Amino acid sequence: MKAIRYYDKGDLRLQDVAVPTPEPGGLLAKVEACAICGTDLKMLLRGDPRVKPGQIIGHEFVGKVVELGAGTQGFAVGDRVTMATSISCMRCEVCRRGHTNRCEHLTPISREFPGAFAEYIAVPPAGVAGGFAVKVPPAVGDIAALAEPLSCAINAQLLSGVRFGDTVVVIGFGPLGALHSQTARAFGATRVIVTQRSPERIDLARQLGLEVIDASAGDAVERVMELTGGAGADVVIATAPAIEAQQQAFAMARKGGMVNLFAGLPRGGSEMLVDSRLIHYRELMVSGASDSTPHHVELAVRMIEAGQVSDKIVTHRLAIDDFFDGLELMRQGRGLKILIMPEGKS
């Protein structure tokens, strides 16, 4: 089968490899679609020491079960499946409390286990036994590949307390910014404002019926205050991986508001100056958000099934032979989510 394998910084390869065999307690799925994630681009541009050379990458996927390992329970051939792809130990204190995404012993798909930029993926026994493999209804299309990144947005907004009537500002309308805008609406936000510089993505945001601030045309903080009558937003979510965006978030939040630092910044480039007077006098709350749990993925699948995620978020569907074209589209900030279809474009 064809697969995308990581070797080092600047060295991803499309290669032919053997179809995997499911382990006892695991399963084998035929990949229908796998979305390119920002971490995949980072692997190419910066490298990732956590990934062993030759590993198949890709973790935002949906597929159909074609074979069960000996003794596998809870699945049948023909079931469709996606995953919460950071498999935890299920034994430590945070796992026992249900916060599996905070486990210190995570073994992620695409790092510790082979990923889904391939024609088939073997879901490991720990992924099945721990509940990390999640069923997808037959009627849900290939957009189900977005369940994993959508689950990360759901986790962030649960932590941020987004609720009915809120005004939510999403800084950055990249792929995750787009999913955050949909999630905020699903959580009941009556006003969602996004900030973006790219004309192409500004147009995509407007196609989704969002209020858009062109951050290249002036001060985004001032514009948020103008649009909210000087109050600021109930929740501000910084999805752009830039210090400036995270600093701006504090100035956009209303008194008693929440700032969620969703985007991760690179090691050695993550320190920033924050005006503590804003936090003090506005009584701001601050949350981070990293990864998701199987429950968040289940909620994401339900949200997609309910039609609360626009198909317009998937802007490209490419054959696996065109994977590197997809990476280039992402590097240029063009489009939103890009699906790789191992059997060819749909």
Protein backbone atom coordinates (compact mmCIF):
# COMPACT_ATOMS: atom_id res chain seq x y z
CA MET A 1 0.00 0.00 0.00
CA LYS A 2 1.03 3.64 -0.41
CA ALA A 3 1.90 5.60 2.72
CA ILE A 4 3.53 8.87 3.79
CA ARG A 5 6.52 8.25 6.07
CA TYR A 6 8.59 10.62 8.19
CA TYR A 7 12.39 10.37 8.25
CA ASP A 8 13.71 13.75 9.39
CA LYS A 9 13.27 17.49 9.03
CA GLY A 10 12.54 18.18 5.37
CA ASP A 11 12.26 14.46 4.65
CA LEU A 12 8.78 13.02 4.22
CA ARG A 13 8.41 10.27 1.60
CA LEU A 14 5.58 8.60 -0.30
CA GLN A 15 6.50 4.92 -0.25
CA ASP A 16 5.06 1.46 -0.80
CA VAL A 17 4.79 -0.54 2.42
CA ALA A 18 3.13 -3.77 3.49
CA VAL A 19 -0.50 -3.70 4.59
CA PRO A 20 -0.46 -4.05 8.40
CA THR A 21 -2.01 -6.95 10.30
CA PRO A 22 -4.25 -6.16 13.28
CA GLU A 23 -2.90 -7.25 16.66
CA PRO A 24 -5.04 -9.29 19.07
CA GLY A 25 -7.51 -6.82 20.53
CA GLY A 26 -6.90 -4.34 17.72
CA LEU A 27 -8.46 -3.78 14.32
CA LEU A 28 -7.58 -2.94 10.73
CA ALA A 29 -9.41 -0.10 8.96
CA LYS A 30 -9.36 0.92 5.32
CA VAL A 31 -8.72 4.68 5.36
CA GLU A 32 -11.41 6.74 3.61
CA ALA A 33 -9.84 10.13 4.29
CA CYS A 34 -7.11 11.66 6.45
CA ALA A 35 -6.84 15.43 6.94
CA ILE A 36 -3.55 17.30 6.92
CA CYS A 37 -2.85 18.85 10.33
CA GLY A 38 -0.55 21.75 11.15
CA THR A 39 1.66 19.29 13.03
CA ASP A 40 2.26 17.42 9.77
CA LEU A 41 3.60 20.60 8.21
CA LYS A 42 5.73 21.23 11.30
CA MET A 43 7.27 17.78 10.91
CA LEU A 44 8.42 18.74 7.43
CA LEU A 45 9.62 22.24 8.28
CA ARG A 46 11.08 21.71 11.78
CA GLY A 47 11.33 17.97 12.29
CA ASP A 48 9.98 16.11 15.32
CA PRO A 49 12.34 14.11 17.56
CA ARG A 50 9.35 12.22 19.00
CA VAL A 51 8.73 10.51 15.65
CA LYS A 52 10.95 7.60 14.78
CA PRO A 53 12.38 7.53 11.24
CA GLY A 54 10.18 5.60 8.86
CA GLN A 55 6.98 6.16 10.82
CA ILE A 56 3.74 6.51 8.83
CA ILE A 57 2.14 9.81 9.83
CA GLY A 58 -1.40 11.26 9.79
CA HIS A 59 -3.95 11.19 12.61
CA GLU A 60 -7.16 13.01 11.56
CA PHE A 61 -8.92 10.14 9.80
CA VAL A 62 -12.06 8.16 9.17
CA GLY A 63 -12.05 4.61 7.88
CA LYS A 64 -13.99 1.36 7.64
CA VAL A 65 -13.12 -1.75 9.65
CA VAL A 66 -12.05 -4.58 7.35
CA GLU A 67 -10.49 -7.02 9.82
CA LEU A 68 -10.56 -7.66 13.57
CA GLY A 69 -7.65 -8.91 15.64
CA ALA A 70 -8.19 -12.00 17.74
CA GLY A 71 -10.45 -11.29 20.71
CA THR A 72 -11.37 -7.73 19.66
CA GLN A 73 -14.64 -6.66 21.27
CA GLY A 74 -17.10 -3.87 20.46
CA PHE A 75 -16.47 -3.60 16.69
CA ALA A 76 -17.51 -5.52 13.61
CA VAL A 77 -16.27 -5.63 10.04
CA GLY A 78 -18.01 -2.82 8.17
CA ASP A 79 -18.12 -0.39 11.11
CA ARG A 80 -16.80 3.07 10.37
CA VAL A 81 -14.29 4.47 12.84
CA THR A 82 -12.32 7.55 13.82
CA MET A 83 -10.12 8.11 16.86
CA ALA A 84 -9.05 10.21 19.76
CA THR A 85 -5.52 9.65 18.59
CA SER A 86 -3.53 10.44 21.75
CA ILE A 87 -3.80 7.10 23.52
CA SER A 88 -3.20 7.39 27.26
CA CYS A 89 -2.02 4.92 29.91
CA MET A 90 -5.49 4.71 31.58
CA ARG A 91 -3.76 4.06 34.91
CA CYS A 92 -2.44 7.40 36.22
CA GLU A 93 -4.40 9.85 38.38
CA VAL A 94 -5.39 12.22 35.56
CA CYS A 95 -6.57 9.29 33.41
CA ARG A 96 -8.68 7.96 36.28
CA ARG A 97 -10.27 11.41 36.55
CA GLY A 98 -11.19 11.26 32.87
CA HIS A 99 -8.62 13.79 31.62
CA THR A 100 -6.81 11.33 29.36
CA ASN A 101 -5.44 14.17 27.21
CA ARG A 102 -3.35 15.31 30.19
CA CYS A 103 -1.66 11.94 30.68
CA GLU A 104 2.14 12.11 30.99
CA HIS A 105 2.45 8.83 29.12
CA LEU A 106 0.59 9.54 25.87
CA THR A 107 1.34 7.29 22.91
CA PRO A 108 -0.11 9.15 19.92
CA ILE A 109 -1.06 7.76 16.54
CA SER A 110 1.44 9.14 13.98
CA ARG A 111 4.19 9.20 16.61
CA GLU A 112 4.23 6.04 18.72
CA PHE A 113 1.89 4.15 16.38
CA PRO A 114 1.69 4.22 12.55
CA GLY A 115 -0.72 6.81 11.21
CA ALA A 116 -3.40 7.16 8.55
CA PHE A 117 -1.76 8.77 5.52
CA ALA A 118 -1.98 5.28 4.08
CA GLU A 119 -4.49 2.96 2.50
CA TYR A 120 -4.93 1.07 5.79
CA ILE A 121 -4.35 1.79 9.47
CA ALA A 122 -3.99 -0.76 12.26
CA VAL A 123 -5.70 0.59 15.37
CA PRO A 124 -3.67 -0.77 18.33
CA PRO A 125 -5.28 -2.80 21.12
CA ALA A 126 -4.81 0.05 23.60
CA GLY A 127 -6.81 2.30 21.29
CA VAL A 128 -9.72 -0.13 21.25
CA ALA A 129 -9.66 -1.20 24.91
CA GLY A 130 -9.31 2.39 26.15
CA GLY A 131 -12.26 3.65 24.12
CA PHE A 132 -10.09 5.81 21.84
CA ALA A 133 -11.61 4.24 18.72
CA VAL A 134 -15.00 5.88 18.12
CA LYS A 135 -17.71 4.65 15.77
CA VAL A 136 -18.97 6.92 12.97
CA PRO A 137 -22.54 6.59 11.61
CA PRO A 138 -22.79 5.30 8.01
CA ALA A 139 -24.56 8.47 6.81
CA VAL A 140 -21.74 10.81 7.84
CA GLY A 141 -19.41 11.55 4.93
CA ASP A 142 -15.66 11.94 4.78
CA ILE A 143 -15.98 15.15 6.81
CA ALA A 144 -15.88 12.74 9.76
CA ALA A 145 -12.09 12.95 9.36
CA LEU A 146 -12.44 16.33 11.10
CA ALA A 147 -13.78 14.76 14.29
CA GLU A 148 -10.35 14.74 15.93
CA PRO A 149 -9.45 18.41 15.35
CA LEU A 150 -13.06 19.40 16.08
CA SER A 151 -12.82 17.53 19.38
CA CYS A 152 -9.87 19.75 20.34
CA ALA A 153 -12.01 22.83 19.73
CA ILE A 154 -14.81 21.29 21.81
CA ASN A 155 -12.39 20.66 24.67
CA ALA A 156 -11.19 24.28 24.54
CA GLN A 157 -14.68 25.72 24.54
CA LEU A 158 -15.86 23.53 27.39
CA LEU A 159 -12.85 24.78 29.36
CA SER A 160 -13.72 28.34 28.30
CA GLY A 161 -17.36 28.04 29.32
CA VAL A 162 -18.86 29.22 26.02
CA ARG A 163 -22.62 29.40 26.48
CA PHE A 164 -25.85 30.73 24.99
CA GLY A 165 -25.81 34.45 24.32
CA ASP A 166 -22.04 34.84 24.34
CA THR A 167 -19.97 36.95 21.99
CA VAL A 168 -16.94 34.91 20.97
CA VAL A 169 -13.89 36.26 19.16
CA VAL A 170 -11.71 33.76 17.31
CA ILE A 171 -8.28 35.14 16.48
CA GLY A 172 -7.14 33.51 13.25
CA PHE A 173 -9.36 31.86 10.67
CA GLY A 174 -7.20 28.94 9.74
CA PRO A 175 -8.53 25.37 9.82
CA LEU A 176 -8.88 25.33 13.62
CA GLY A 177 -10.24 28.85 13.69
CA ALA A 178 -12.95 27.71 11.29
CA LEU A 179 -13.81 24.73 13.50
CA HIS A 180 -13.86 26.99 16.56
CA SER A 181 -16.36 29.28 14.85
CA GLN A 182 -18.67 26.32 14.20
CA THR A 183 -18.23 25.01 17.73
CA ALA A 184 -19.04 28.39 19.29
CA ARG A 185 -22.29 28.51 17.35
CA ALA A 186 -23.14 24.97 18.39
CA PHE A 187 -22.52 25.93 22.03
CA GLY A 188 -25.01 28.79 21.69
CA ALA A 189 -22.84 31.84 21.03
CA THR A 190 -25.09 34.39 19.38
CA ARG A 191 -22.22 36.37 17.93
CA VAL A 192 -18.98 34.98 16.50
CA ILE A 193 -16.33 37.40 15.27
CA VAL A 194 -13.14 36.24 13.57
CA THR A 195 -9.95 38.14 12.85
CA GLN A 196 -7.83 37.27 9.82
CA ARG A 197 -5.30 38.83 7.43
CA SER A 198 -5.51 36.54 4.39
CA PRO A 199 -8.03 37.80 1.78
CA GLU A 200 -8.80 34.23 0.71
CA ARG A 201 -9.62 33.12 4.24
CA ILE A 202 -11.55 36.32 4.95
CA ASP A 203 -13.75 35.41 1.99
CA LEU A 204 -14.21 31.86 3.33
CA ALA A 205 -15.21 33.22 6.74
CA ARG A 206 -17.80 35.47 5.15
CA GLN A 207 -19.16 32.51 3.19
CA LEU A 208 -19.86 30.90 6.57
CA GLY A 209 -21.83 33.97 7.62
CA LEU A 210 -19.30 35.19 10.18
CA GLU A 211 -18.44 38.73 11.20
CA VAL A 212 -14.90 39.32 10.03
CA ILE A 213 -12.24 41.79 11.09
CA ASP A 214 -9.53 42.32 8.49
CA ALA A 215 -6.52 42.44 10.80
CA SER A 216 -4.33 43.78 7.99
CA ALA A 217 -6.47 46.92 7.68
CA GLY A 218 -6.15 48.30 11.21
CA ASP A 219 -6.00 47.55 14.93
CA ALA A 220 -8.00 44.38 15.58
CA VAL A 221 -8.36 45.15 19.28
CA GLU A 222 -9.88 48.56 18.58
CA ARG A 223 -12.24 46.99 16.05
CA VAL A 224 -13.43 44.36 18.54
CA MET A 225 -14.16 47.10 21.04
CA GLU A 226 -16.06 49.09 18.43
CA LEU A 227 -18.18 46.09 17.47
CA THR A 228 -18.98 45.28 21.11
CA GLY A 229 -19.79 48.83 22.20
CA GLY A 230 -16.56 49.09 24.17
CA ALA A 231 -17.29 46.02 26.31
CA GLY A 232 -15.16 43.34 24.67
CA ALA A 233 -15.98 39.68 24.07
CA ASP A 234 -17.17 37.10 26.58
CA VAL A 235 -14.65 34.58 25.27
CA VAL A 236 -11.56 35.17 23.13
CA ILE A 237 -9.87 32.15 21.56
CA ALA A 238 -6.37 32.62 20.12
CA THR A 239 -5.94 30.02 17.38
CA ALA A 240 -3.18 31.86 15.50
CA PRO A 241 0.24 30.48 16.57
CA ALA A 242 1.78 33.91 17.20
CA ILE A 243 2.70 35.79 20.36
CA GLU A 244 1.03 38.96 19.08
CA ALA A 245 -2.28 37.13 18.70
CA GLN A 246 -2.13 35.79 22.26
CA GLN A 247 -1.23 39.21 23.64
CA GLN A 248 -4.11 40.82 21.78
CA ALA A 249 -6.56 38.30 23.22
CA PHE A 250 -6.29 39.79 26.71
CA ALA A 251 -7.17 43.26 25.45
CA MET A 252 -10.21 41.95 23.52
CA ALA A 253 -11.91 40.28 26.50
CA ARG A 254 -14.68 41.95 28.49
CA LYS A 255 -14.68 42.26 32.28
CA GLY A 256 -15.11 38.79 33.70
CA GLY A 257 -14.30 37.31 30.30
CA MET A 258 -12.26 34.27 29.36
CA VAL A 259 -9.10 34.07 27.26
CA ASN A 260 -8.26 30.68 25.79
CA LEU A 261 -4.72 30.19 24.50
CA PHE A 262 -5.50 27.43 22.04
CA ALA A 263 -2.56 27.61 19.65
CA GLY A 264 0.73 26.17 20.81
CA LEU A 265 3.86 28.27 20.36
CA PRO A 266 7.27 26.75 19.53
CA ARG A 267 9.65 25.82 22.32
CA GLY A 268 12.01 28.75 22.93
CA GLY A 269 9.56 31.19 21.35
CA SER A 270 6.62 31.04 23.72
CA GLU A 271 7.39 33.71 26.32
CA MET A 272 5.38 36.92 26.08
CA LEU A 273 4.62 40.10 27.99
CA VAL A 274 1.09 40.36 29.37
CA ASP A 275 -0.39 43.45 30.98
CA SER A 276 -1.36 42.03 34.37
CA ARG A 277 -3.57 45.07 35.00
CA LEU A 278 -5.94 43.77 32.35
CA ILE A 279 -6.22 40.43 34.14
CA HIS A 280 -6.52 42.10 37.56
CA TYR A 281 -9.00 44.89 36.90
CA ARG A 282 -11.09 43.04 34.33
CA GLU A 283 -11.09 39.87 36.46
CA LEU A 284 -10.14 37.83 33.42
CA MET A 285 -9.93 34.06 33.43
CA VAL A 286 -7.27 32.31 31.35
CA SER A 287 -7.31 28.74 30.08
CA GLY A 288 -5.10 26.61 27.90
CA ALA A 289 -6.31 23.70 25.83
CA SER A 290 -4.36 20.72 24.57
CA ASP A 291 -5.68 17.74 22.67
CA SER A 292 -8.93 15.97 23.55
CA THR A 293 -10.47 12.86 25.10
CA PRO A 294 -12.58 10.07 23.55
CA HIS A 295 -15.68 11.79 24.94
CA HIS A 296 -14.80 14.98 23.07
CA VAL A 297 -14.43 12.94 19.85
CA GLU A 298 -17.84 11.34 20.45
CA LEU A 299 -19.32 14.83 20.82
CA ALA A 300 -17.55 15.91 17.62
CA VAL A 301 -19.04 13.00 15.68
CA ARG A 302 -22.51 13.93 16.96
CA MET A 303 -21.96 17.56 16.02
CA ILE A 304 -20.94 16.61 12.49
CA GLU A 305 -23.87 14.19 12.20
CA ALA A 306 -26.24 17.00 13.26
CA GLY A 307 -24.99 19.17 10.39
CA GLN A 308 -23.35 21.73 12.68
CA VAL A 309 -20.07 21.70 10.74
CA SER A 310 -20.12 23.23 7.28
CA ASP A 311 -18.78 21.18 4.37
CA LYS A 312 -17.14 24.42 3.19
CA ILE A 313 -14.42 23.89 5.81
CA VAL A 314 -13.08 21.08 3.59
CA THR A 315 -11.67 23.11 0.72
CA HIS A 316 -9.51 20.45 -0.98
CA ARG A 317 -9.67 16.70 -1.50
CA LEU A 318 -6.46 15.25 -2.94
CA ALA A 319 -5.16 11.81 -3.85
CA ILE A 320 -2.33 10.50 -1.70
CA ASP A 321 0.01 11.01 -4.69
CA ASP A 322 -0.71 14.74 -4.32
CA PHE A 323 0.03 14.86 -0.59
CA PHE A 324 2.93 17.27 -1.00
CA ASP A 325 0.74 19.64 -3.01
CA GLY A 326 -1.58 19.63 0.00
CA LEU A 327 1.29 20.50 2.33
CA GLU A 328 2.21 23.40 0.08
CA LEU A 329 -1.38 24.67 0.11
CA MET A 330 -1.24 24.59 3.91
CA ARG A 331 2.16 26.30 4.01
CA GLN A 332 0.78 29.12 1.85
CA GLY A 333 -2.29 29.46 4.08
CA ARG A 334 -4.64 28.68 1.21
CA GLY A 335 -7.99 27.02 1.81
CA LEU A 336 -8.86 25.41 5.15
CA LYS A 337 -8.95 21.65 5.77
CA ILE A 338 -7.31 19.44 3.15
CA LEU A 339 -8.33 15.79 2.95
CA ILE A 340 -6.04 13.12 1.56
CA MET A 341 -7.99 10.31 -0.10
CA PRO A 342 -5.88 7.12 -0.35
CA GLU A 343 -8.15 5.71 -3.07
CA GLY A 344 -8.10 8.94 -5.07
CA LYS A 345 -10.17 12.13 -5.09
CA SER A 346 -13.89 11.75 -4.51
